[in-house]
Amino acid sequence: MLMYVMLSVMFILFSGTVSFMLNYSHLLNSLLSLEFVSSSVFFLIVIKFSGFSEEIFSLYFLVMLVCESVLGLSLLITSVYSYSFDYMKSMSSVMC
């Protein structure tokens, strides 16, 4: 049973990575794909440490995921407010 769960989480990780590589045009799509990958890594950590007493590490990782998503959404809001679009391909570091 555990093998099927690990296989399905690995499939979720792979599909999230492929989604990130193919949907690179919008910032929101990229953020959602990265959150999908991060949540699958969180599930892998929870499965790996479920039998041990180090389950607090998964909570630390979850806090980092929340901080990452808040930072990404704040960048999205700043980008839309400043430049009126969220296209990743038309942004460059020269614009800042």
PDB file of N, CA and C in Angstrom:
ATOM      1  N   MET A   1       0.819  -1.192   0.000  1.00  0.00           N
ATOM      2  CA  MET A   1       0.000   0.000   0.000  1.00  0.00           C
ATOM      3  C   MET A   1       0.867   1.263   0.000  1.00  0.00           C
ATOM      4  N   LEU A   2       1.929   1.241   0.792  1.00  0.00           N
ATOM      5  CA  LEU A   2       2.819   2.391   0.870  1.00  0.00           C
ATOM      6  C   LEU A   2       3.534   2.631  -0.461  1.00  0.00           C
ATOM      7  N   MET A   3       3.817   1.546  -1.173  1.00  0.00           N
ATOM      8  CA  MET A   3       4.485   1.684  -2.466  1.00  0.00           C
ATOM      9  C   MET A   3       3.595   2.409  -3.473  1.00  0.00           C
ATOM     10  N   TYR A   4       2.289   2.126  -3.453  1.00  0.00           N
ATOM     11  CA  TYR A   4       1.367   2.801  -4.359  1.00  0.00           C
ATOM     12  C   TYR A   4       1.236   4.285  -4.020  1.00  0.00           C
ATOM     13  N   VAL A   5       1.252   4.604  -2.745  1.00  0.00           N
ATOM     14  CA  VAL A   5       1.178   6.004  -2.323  1.00  0.00           C
ATOM     15  C   VAL A   5       2.443   6.740  -2.761  1.00  0.00           C
ATOM     16  N   MET A   6       3.603   6.131  -2.561  1.00  0.00           N
ATOM     17  CA  MET A   6       4.854   6.751  -2.983  1.00  0.00           C
ATOM     18  C   MET A   6       4.905   6.932  -4.499  1.00  0.00           C
ATOM     19  N   LEU A   7       4.399   5.938  -5.226  1.00  0.00           N
ATOM     20  CA  LEU A   7       4.377   6.030  -6.679  1.00  0.00           C
ATOM     21  C   LEU A   7       3.453   7.143  -7.154  1.00  0.00           C
ATOM     22  N   SER A   8       2.309   7.278  -6.508  1.00  0.00           N
ATOM     23  CA  SER A   8       1.386   8.341  -6.905  1.00  0.00           C
ATOM     24  C   SER A   8       1.941   9.723  -6.556  1.00  0.00           C
ATOM     25  N   VAL A   9       2.618   9.855  -5.433  1.00  0.00           N
ATOM     26  CA  VAL A   9       3.221  11.143  -5.073  1.00  0.00           C
ATOM     27  C   VAL A   9       4.371  11.477  -6.024  1.00  0.00           C
ATOM     28  N   MET A  10       5.137  10.482  -6.434  1.00  0.00           N
ATOM     29  CA  MET A  10       6.195  10.722  -7.413  1.00  0.00           C
ATOM     30  C   MET A  10       5.615  11.141  -8.767  1.00  0.00           C
ATOM     31  N   PHE A  11       4.467  10.564  -9.136  1.00  0.00           N
ATOM     32  CA  PHE A  11       3.795  10.975 -10.364  1.00  0.00           C
ATOM     33  C   PHE A  11       3.305  12.417 -10.249  1.00  0.00           C
ATOM     34  N   ILE A  12       2.802  12.788  -9.089  1.00  0.00           N
ATOM     35  CA  ILE A  12       2.369  14.177  -8.866  1.00  0.00           C
ATOM     36  C   ILE A  12       3.564  15.117  -8.971  1.00  0.00           C
ATOM     37  N   LEU A  13       4.696  14.723  -8.413  1.00  0.00           N
ATOM     38  CA  LEU A  13       5.913  15.534  -8.496  1.00  0.00           C
ATOM     39  C   LEU A  13       6.359  15.696  -9.948  1.00  0.00           C
ATOM     40  N   PHE A  14       6.348  14.614 -10.697  1.00  0.00           N
ATOM     41  CA  PHE A  14       6.757  14.667 -12.099  1.00  0.00           C
ATOM     42  C   PHE A  14       5.799  15.515 -12.931  1.00  0.00           C
ATOM     43  N   SER A  15       4.503  15.358 -12.713  1.00  0.00           N
ATOM     44  CA  SER A  15       3.537  16.144 -13.486  1.00  0.00           C
ATOM     45  C   SER A  15       3.604  17.630 -13.122  1.00  0.00           C
ATOM     46  N   GLY A  16       3.893  17.951 -11.876  1.00  0.00           N
ATOM     47  CA  GLY A  16       4.071  19.340 -11.489  1.00  0.00           C
ATOM     48  C   GLY A  16       5.293  19.963 -12.124  1.00  0.00           C
ATOM     49  N   THR A  17       6.366  19.189 -12.223  1.00  0.00           N
ATOM     50  CA  THR A  17       7.578  19.681 -12.858  1.00  0.00           C
ATOM     51  C   THR A  17       7.366  19.908 -14.350  1.00  0.00           C
ATOM     52  N   VAL A  18       6.686  18.975 -15.001  1.00  0.00           N
ATOM     53  CA  VAL A  18       6.383  19.131 -16.428  1.00  0.00           C
ATOM     54  C   VAL A  18       5.447  20.318 -16.641  1.00  0.00           C
ATOM     55  N   SER A  19       4.484  20.484 -15.766  1.00  0.00           N
ATOM     56  CA  SER A  19       3.571  21.623 -15.870  1.00  0.00           C
ATOM     57  C   SER A  19       4.326  22.943 -15.712  1.00  0.00           C
ATOM     58  N   PHE A  20       5.300  22.985 -14.820  1.00  0.00           N
ATOM     59  CA  PHE A  20       6.092  24.206 -14.655  1.00  0.00           C
ATOM     60  C   PHE A  20       6.913  24.505 -15.895  1.00  0.00           C
ATOM     61  N   MET A  21       7.468  23.469 -16.522  1.00  0.00           N
ATOM     62  CA  MET A  21       8.284  23.699 -17.709  1.00  0.00           C
ATOM     63  C   MET A  21       7.449  24.093 -18.921  1.00  0.00           C
ATOM     64  N   LEU A  22       6.225  23.609 -19.016  1.00  0.00           N
ATOM     65  CA  LEU A  22       5.399  23.905 -20.185  1.00  0.00           C
ATOM     66  C   LEU A  22       4.574  25.179 -20.037  1.00  0.00           C
ATOM     67  N   ASN A  23       4.173  25.544 -18.832  1.00  0.00           N
ATOM     68  CA  ASN A  23       3.340  26.727 -18.602  1.00  0.00           C
ATOM     69  C   ASN A  23       4.160  27.851 -17.997  1.00  0.00           C
ATOM     70  N   TYR A  24       5.156  28.284 -18.715  1.00  0.00           N
ATOM     71  CA  TYR A  24       6.061  29.297 -18.186  1.00  0.00           C
ATOM     72  C   TYR A  24       5.646  30.712 -18.576  1.00  0.00           C
ATOM     73  N   SER A  25       4.540  30.867 -19.291  1.00  0.00           N
ATOM     74  CA  SER A  25       4.216  32.188 -19.832  1.00  0.00           C
ATOM     75  C   SER A  25       3.677  33.141 -18.766  1.00  0.00           C
ATOM     76  N   HIS A  26       2.838  32.680 -17.873  1.00  0.00           N
ATOM     77  CA  HIS A  26       2.243  33.546 -16.854  1.00  0.00           C
ATOM     78  C   HIS A  26       2.855  33.261 -15.483  1.00  0.00           C
ATOM     79  N   LEU A  27       2.974  34.306 -14.696  1.00  0.00           N
ATOM     80  CA  LEU A  27       3.540  34.161 -13.355  1.00  0.00           C
ATOM     81  C   LEU A  27       2.628  33.342 -12.454  1.00  0.00           C
ATOM     82  N   LEU A  28       1.319  33.513 -12.578  1.00  0.00           N
ATOM     83  CA  LEU A  28       0.388  32.763 -11.736  1.00  0.00           C
ATOM     84  C   LEU A  28       0.448  31.269 -12.045  1.00  0.00           C
ATOM     85  N   ASN A  29       0.547  30.908 -13.318  1.00  0.00           N
ATOM     86  CA  ASN A  29       0.681  29.497 -13.674  1.00  0.00           C
ATOM     87  C   ASN A  29       1.970  28.908 -13.117  1.00  0.00           C
ATOM     88  N   SER A  30       3.041  29.669 -13.183  1.00  0.00           N
ATOM     89  CA  SER A  30       4.315  29.196 -12.645  1.00  0.00           C
ATOM     90  C   SER A  30       4.251  29.021 -11.134  1.00  0.00           C
ATOM     91  N   LEU A  31       3.603  29.958 -10.454  1.00  0.00           N
ATOM     92  CA  LEU A  31       3.481  29.845  -8.995  1.00  0.00           C
ATOM     93  C   LEU A  31       2.625  28.645  -8.594  1.00  0.00           C
ATOM     94  N   LEU A  32       1.552  28.405  -9.324  1.00  0.00           N
ATOM     95  CA  LEU A  32       0.710  27.243  -9.020  1.00  0.00           C
ATOM     96  C   LEU A  32       1.446  25.937  -9.263  1.00  0.00           C
ATOM     97  N   SER A  33       2.232  25.876 -10.324  1.00  0.00           N
ATOM     98  CA  SER A  33       3.011  24.668 -10.597  1.00  0.00           C
ATOM     99  C   SER A  33       4.069  24.439  -9.523  1.00  0.00           C
ATOM    100  N   LEU A  34       4.727  25.514  -9.097  1.00  0.00           N
ATOM    101  CA  LEU A  34       5.717  25.372  -8.028  1.00  0.00           C
ATOM    102  C   LEU A  34       5.082  24.958  -6.708  1.00  0.00           C
ATOM    103  N   GLU A  35       3.886  25.453  -6.439  1.00  0.00           N
ATOM    104  CA  GLU A  35       3.181  25.048  -5.217  1.00  0.00           C
ATOM    105  C   GLU A  35       2.765  23.578  -5.289  1.00  0.00           C
ATOM    106  N   PHE A  36       2.410  23.138  -6.482  1.00  0.00           N
ATOM    107  CA  PHE A  36       2.063  21.733  -6.706  1.00  0.00           C
ATOM    108  C   PHE A  36       3.270  20.836  -6.440  1.00  0.00           C
ATOM    109  N   VAL A  37       4.422  21.228  -6.931  1.00  0.00           N
ATOM    110  CA  VAL A  37       5.652  20.468  -6.703  1.00  0.00           C
ATOM    111  C   VAL A  37       6.019  20.492  -5.222  1.00  0.00           C
ATOM    112  N   SER A  38       5.896  21.643  -4.597  1.00  0.00           N
ATOM    113  CA  SER A  38       6.246  21.761  -3.177  1.00  0.00           C
ATOM    114  C   SER A  38       5.327  20.937  -2.285  1.00  0.00           C
ATOM    115  N   SER A  39       4.044  20.913  -2.624  1.00  0.00           N
ATOM    116  CA  SER A  39       3.126  20.102  -1.822  1.00  0.00           C
ATOM    117  C   SER A  39       3.388  18.611  -2.006  1.00  0.00           C
ATOM    118  N   SER A  40       3.809  18.191  -3.194  1.00  0.00           N
ATOM    119  CA  SER A  40       4.145  16.775  -3.370  1.00  0.00           C
ATOM    120  C   SER A  40       5.418  16.416  -2.608  1.00  0.00           C
ATOM    121  N   VAL A  41       6.380  17.338  -2.555  1.00  0.00           N
ATOM    122  CA  VAL A  41       7.576  17.100  -1.740  1.00  0.00           C
ATOM    123  C   VAL A  41       7.201  17.043  -0.262  1.00  0.00           C
ATOM    124  N   PHE A  42       6.250  17.869   0.161  1.00  0.00           N
ATOM    125  CA  PHE A  42       5.777  17.812   1.542  1.00  0.00           C
ATOM    126  C   PHE A  42       5.142  16.454   1.847  1.00  0.00           C
ATOM    127  N   PHE A  43       4.346  15.938   0.912  1.00  0.00           N
ATOM    128  CA  PHE A  43       3.742  14.619   1.124  1.00  0.00           C
ATOM    129  C   PHE A  43       4.807  13.534   1.196  1.00  0.00           C
ATOM    130  N   LEU A  44       5.860  13.647   0.385  1.00  0.00           N
ATOM    131  CA  LEU A  44       6.955  12.683   0.466  1.00  0.00           C
ATOM    132  C   LEU A  44       7.654  12.748   1.823  1.00  0.00           C
ATOM    133  N   ILE A  45       7.841  13.946   2.348  1.00  0.00           N
ATOM    134  CA  ILE A  45       8.480  14.099   3.653  1.00  0.00           C
ATOM    135  C   ILE A  45       7.599  13.517   4.749  1.00  0.00           C
ATOM    136  N   VAL A  46       6.298  13.755   4.654  1.00  0.00           N
ATOM    137  CA  VAL A  46       5.385  13.214   5.662  1.00  0.00           C
ATOM    138  C   VAL A  46       5.385  11.688   5.623  1.00  0.00           C
ATOM    139  N   ILE A  47       5.398  11.108   4.432  1.00  0.00           N
ATOM    140  CA  ILE A  47       5.424   9.649   4.311  1.00  0.00           C
ATOM    141  C   ILE A  47       6.738   9.099   4.837  1.00  0.00           C
ATOM    142  N   LYS A  48       7.834   9.773   4.519  1.00  0.00           N
ATOM    143  CA  LYS A  48       9.148   9.284   4.950  1.00  0.00           C
ATOM    144  C   LYS A  48       9.317   9.333   6.462  1.00  0.00           C
ATOM    145  N   PHE A  49       8.862  10.414   7.098  1.00  0.00           N
ATOM    146  CA  PHE A  49       9.046  10.580   8.534  1.00  0.00           C
ATOM    147  C   PHE A  49       7.829  10.176   9.353  1.00  0.00           C
ATOM    148  N   SER A  50       6.913   9.430   8.795  1.00  0.00           N
ATOM    149  CA  SER A  50       5.707   9.074   9.543  1.00  0.00           C
ATOM    150  C   SER A  50       5.995   8.078  10.669  1.00  0.00           C
ATOM    151  N   GLY A  51       6.998   7.255  10.523  1.00  0.00           N
ATOM    152  CA  GLY A  51       7.318   6.282  11.556  1.00  0.00           C
ATOM    153  C   GLY A  51       8.321   6.765  12.576  1.00  0.00           C
ATOM    154  N   PHE A  52       8.932   7.891  12.318  1.00  0.00           N
ATOM    155  CA  PHE A  52       9.953   8.420  13.214  1.00  0.00           C
ATOM    156  C   PHE A  52       9.373   9.490  14.124  1.00  0.00           C
ATOM    157  N   SER A  53      10.187   9.960  15.031  1.00  0.00           N
ATOM    158  CA  SER A  53       9.742  11.020  15.936  1.00  0.00           C
ATOM    159  C   SER A  53      10.102  12.401  15.407  1.00  0.00           C
ATOM    160  N   GLU A  54      10.589  12.490  14.180  1.00  0.00           N
ATOM    161  CA  GLU A  54      11.000  13.768  13.606  1.00  0.00           C
ATOM    162  C   GLU A  54       9.916  14.356  12.719  1.00  0.00           C
ATOM    163  N   GLU A  55       8.693  14.327  13.169  1.00  0.00           N
ATOM    164  CA  GLU A  55       7.597  14.877  12.376  1.00  0.00           C
ATOM    165  C   GLU A  55       7.558  16.401  12.435  1.00  0.00           C
ATOM    166  N   ILE A  56       8.321  16.991  13.348  1.00  0.00           N
ATOM    167  CA  ILE A  56       8.365  18.443  13.448  1.00  0.00           C
ATOM    168  C   ILE A  56       9.046  19.041  12.227  1.00  0.00           C
ATOM    169  N   PHE A  57       9.927  18.263  11.567  1.00  0.00           N
ATOM    170  CA  PHE A  57      10.580  18.735  10.349  1.00  0.00           C
ATOM    171  C   PHE A  57       9.564  19.006   9.251  1.00  0.00           C
ATOM    172  N   SER A  58       8.524  18.201   9.181  1.00  0.00           N
ATOM    173  CA  SER A  58       7.497  18.428   8.166  1.00  0.00           C
ATOM    174  C   SER A  58       6.732  19.721   8.441  1.00  0.00           C
ATOM    175  N   LEU A  59       6.559  20.066   9.700  1.00  0.00           N
ATOM    176  CA  LEU A  59       5.908  21.335  10.025  1.00  0.00           C
ATOM    177  C   LEU A  59       6.789  22.526   9.656  1.00  0.00           C
ATOM    178  N   TYR A  60       8.097  22.408   9.877  1.00  0.00           N
ATOM    179  CA  TYR A  60       9.015  23.464   9.445  1.00  0.00           C
ATOM    180  C   TYR A  60       8.965  23.637   7.932  1.00  0.00           C
ATOM    181  N   PHE A  61       8.926  22.520   7.230  1.00  0.00           N
ATOM    182  CA  PHE A  61       8.853  22.581   5.778  1.00  0.00           C
ATOM    183  C   PHE A  61       7.542  23.209   5.322  1.00  0.00           C
ATOM    184  N   LEU A  62       6.452  22.913   6.015  1.00  0.00           N
ATOM    185  CA  LEU A  62       5.156  23.496   5.682  1.00  0.00           C
ATOM    186  C   LEU A  62       5.149  25.002   5.917  1.00  0.00           C
ATOM    187  N   VAL A  63       5.810  25.457   6.967  1.00  0.00           N
ATOM    188  CA  VAL A  63       5.923  26.899   7.217  1.00  0.00           C
ATOM    189  C   VAL A  63       6.719  27.563   6.105  1.00  0.00           C
ATOM    190  N   MET A  64       7.787  26.923   5.639  1.00  0.00           N
ATOM    191  CA  MET A  64       8.566  27.470   4.532  1.00  0.00           C
ATOM    192  C   MET A  64       7.745  27.511   3.246  1.00  0.00           C
ATOM    193  N   LEU A  65       6.892  26.518   3.033  1.00  0.00           N
ATOM    194  CA  LEU A  65       6.016  26.530   1.858  1.00  0.00           C
ATOM    195  C   LEU A  65       5.048  27.704   1.899  1.00  0.00           C
ATOM    196  N   VAL A  66       4.500  27.972   3.066  1.00  0.00           N
ATOM    197  CA  VAL A  66       3.571  29.093   3.202  1.00  0.00           C
ATOM    198  C   VAL A  66       4.291  30.413   2.963  1.00  0.00           C
ATOM    199  N   CYS A  67       5.503  30.550   3.503  1.00  0.00           N
ATOM    200  CA  CYS A  67       6.274  31.779   3.280  1.00  0.00           C
ATOM    201  C   CYS A  67       6.621  31.951   1.807  1.00  0.00           C
ATOM    202  N   GLU A  68       6.950  30.852   1.133  1.00  0.00           N
ATOM    203  CA  GLU A  68       7.258  30.915  -0.292  1.00  0.00           C
ATOM    204  C   GLU A  68       6.044  31.343  -1.103  1.00  0.00           C
ATOM    205  N   SER A  69       4.886  30.803  -0.781  1.00  0.00           N
ATOM    206  CA  SER A  69       3.685  31.151  -1.544  1.00  0.00           C
ATOM    207  C   SER A  69       3.260  32.600  -1.279  1.00  0.00           C
ATOM    208  N   VAL A  70       3.419  33.081  -0.057  1.00  0.00           N
ATOM    209  CA  VAL A  70       3.086  34.475   0.244  1.00  0.00           C
ATOM    210  C   VAL A  70       4.030  35.416  -0.493  1.00  0.00           C
ATOM    211  N   LEU A  71       5.303  35.078  -0.541  1.00  0.00           N
ATOM    212  CA  LEU A  71       6.266  35.897  -1.270  1.00  0.00           C
ATOM    213  C   LEU A  71       5.954  35.913  -2.766  1.00  0.00           C
ATOM    214  N   GLY A  72       5.593  34.759  -3.325  1.00  0.00           N
ATOM    215  CA  GLY A  72       5.243  34.697  -4.738  1.00  0.00           C
ATOM    216  C   GLY A  72       3.992  35.493  -5.065  1.00  0.00           C
ATOM    217  N   LEU A  73       2.992  35.404  -4.202  1.00  0.00           N
ATOM    218  CA  LEU A  73       1.772  36.176  -4.447  1.00  0.00           C
ATOM    219  C   LEU A  73       2.010  37.669  -4.292  1.00  0.00           C
ATOM    220  N   SER A  74       2.869  38.057  -3.371  1.00  0.00           N
ATOM    221  CA  SER A  74       3.167  39.484  -3.249  1.00  0.00           C
ATOM    222  C   SER A  74       3.931  39.992  -4.467  1.00  0.00           C
ATOM    223  N   LEU A  75       4.813  39.173  -5.037  1.00  0.00           N
ATOM    224  CA  LEU A  75       5.490  39.556  -6.272  1.00  0.00           C
ATOM    225  C   LEU A  75       4.512  39.642  -7.436  1.00  0.00           C
ATOM    226  N   LEU A  76       3.540  38.747  -7.460  1.00  0.00           N
ATOM    227  CA  LEU A  76       2.517  38.788  -8.501  1.00  0.00           C
ATOM    228  C   LEU A  76       1.684  40.059  -8.397  1.00  0.00           C
ATOM    229  N   ILE A  77       1.269  40.411  -7.202  1.00  0.00           N
ATOM    230  CA  ILE A  77       0.469  41.620  -7.000  1.00  0.00           C
ATOM    231  C   ILE A  77       1.280  42.861  -7.350  1.00  0.00           C
ATOM    232  N   THR A  78       2.552  42.898  -6.960  1.00  0.00           N
ATOM    233  CA  THR A  78       3.406  44.028  -7.297  1.00  0.00           C
ATOM    234  C   THR A  78       3.611  44.145  -8.802  1.00  0.00           C
ATOM    235  N   SER A  79       3.786  43.019  -9.450  1.00  0.00           N
ATOM    236  CA  SER A  79       3.980  43.020 -10.904  1.00  0.00           C
ATOM    237  C   SER A  79       2.740  43.503 -11.635  1.00  0.00           C
ATOM    238  N   VAL A  80       1.587  43.025 -11.227  1.00  0.00           N
ATOM    239  CA  VAL A  80       0.352  43.449 -11.887  1.00  0.00           C
ATOM    240  C   VAL A  80       0.055  44.907 -11.593  1.00  0.00           C
ATOM    241  N   TYR A  81       0.342  45.330 -10.393  1.00  0.00           N
ATOM    242  CA  TYR A  81       0.093  46.731 -10.030  1.00  0.00           C
ATOM    243  C   TYR A  81       1.047  47.671 -10.770  1.00  0.00           C
ATOM    244  N   SER A  82       2.295  47.275 -10.907  1.00  0.00           N
ATOM    245  CA  SER A  82       3.287  48.162 -11.521  1.00  0.00           C
ATOM    246  C   SER A  82       3.265  48.122 -13.048  1.00  0.00           C
ATOM    247  N   TYR A  83       3.186  46.921 -13.630  1.00  0.00           N
ATOM    248  CA  TYR A  83       3.346  46.780 -15.066  1.00  0.00           C
ATOM    249  C   TYR A  83       2.065  46.397 -15.786  1.00  0.00           C
ATOM    250  N   SER A  84       0.998  46.114 -15.085  1.00  0.00           N
ATOM    251  CA  SER A  84      -0.322  45.762 -15.625  1.00  0.00           C
ATOM    252  C   SER A  84      -0.349  44.448 -16.389  1.00  0.00           C
ATOM    253  N   PHE A  85       0.581  43.570 -16.144  1.00  0.00           N
ATOM    254  CA  PHE A  85       0.551  42.243 -16.752  1.00  0.00           C
ATOM    255  C   PHE A  85       1.358  41.282 -15.894  1.00  0.00           C
ATOM    256  N   ASP A  86       1.172  39.986 -16.149  1.00  0.00           N
ATOM    257  CA  ASP A  86       1.924  38.984 -15.404  1.00  0.00           C
ATOM    258  C   ASP A  86       2.621  38.007 -16.338  1.00  0.00           C
ATOM    259  N   TYR A  87       2.949  38.453 -17.549  1.00  0.00           N
ATOM    260  CA  TYR A  87       3.657  37.587 -18.487  1.00  0.00           C
ATOM    261  C   TYR A  87       5.109  37.459 -18.071  1.00  0.00           C
ATOM    262  N   MET A  88       5.559  36.243 -17.926  1.00  0.00           N
ATOM    263  CA  MET A  88       6.940  36.014 -17.511  1.00  0.00           C
ATOM    264  C   MET A  88       7.922  36.252 -18.649  1.00  0.00           C
ATOM    265  N   LYS A  89       7.503  35.973 -19.862  1.00  0.00           N
ATOM    266  CA  LYS A  89       8.434  36.066 -20.988  1.00  0.00           C
ATOM    267  C   LYS A  89       8.745  37.517 -21.352  1.00  0.00           C
ATOM    268  N   SER A  90       7.862  38.435 -21.019  1.00  0.00           N
ATOM    269  CA  SER A  90       8.114  39.827 -21.367  1.00  0.00           C
ATOM    270  C   SER A  90       8.783  40.602 -20.226  1.00  0.00           C
ATOM    271  N   MET A  91       8.966  39.975 -19.085  1.00  0.00           N
ATOM    272  CA  MET A  91       9.656  40.626 -17.974  1.00  0.00           C
ATOM    273  C   MET A  91      11.155  40.387 -18.081  1.00  0.00           C
ATOM    274  N   SER A  92      11.896  41.337 -17.649  1.00  0.00           N
ATOM    275  CA  SER A  92      13.348  41.171 -17.586  1.00  0.00           C
ATOM    276  C   SER A  92      13.833  41.930 -16.355  1.00  0.00           C
ATOM    277  N   SER A  93      15.050  41.676 -15.979  1.00  0.00           N
ATOM    278  CA  SER A  93      15.605  42.361 -14.811  1.00  0.00           C
ATOM    279  C   SER A  93      15.990  43.799 -15.139  1.00  0.00           C
ATOM    280  N   VAL A  94      16.025  44.163 -16.419  1.00  0.00           N
ATOM    281  CA  VAL A  94      16.356  45.523 -16.813  1.00  0.00           C
ATOM    282  C   VAL A  94      15.208  46.467 -16.490  1.00  0.00           C
ATOM    283  N   MET A  95      13.965  45.944 -16.474  1.00  0.00           N
ATOM    284  CA  MET A  95      12.804  46.774 -16.212  1.00  0.00           C
ATOM    285  C   MET A  95      12.801  47.341 -14.801  1.00  0.00           C
ATOM    286  N   CYS A  96      13.418  46.656 -13.861  1.00  0.00           N
ATOM    287  CA  CYS A  96      13.405  47.098 -12.474  1.00  0.00           C
ATOM    288  C   CYS A  96      14.338  48.201 -12.247  1.00  0.00           C
TER     289      CYS A  96
END
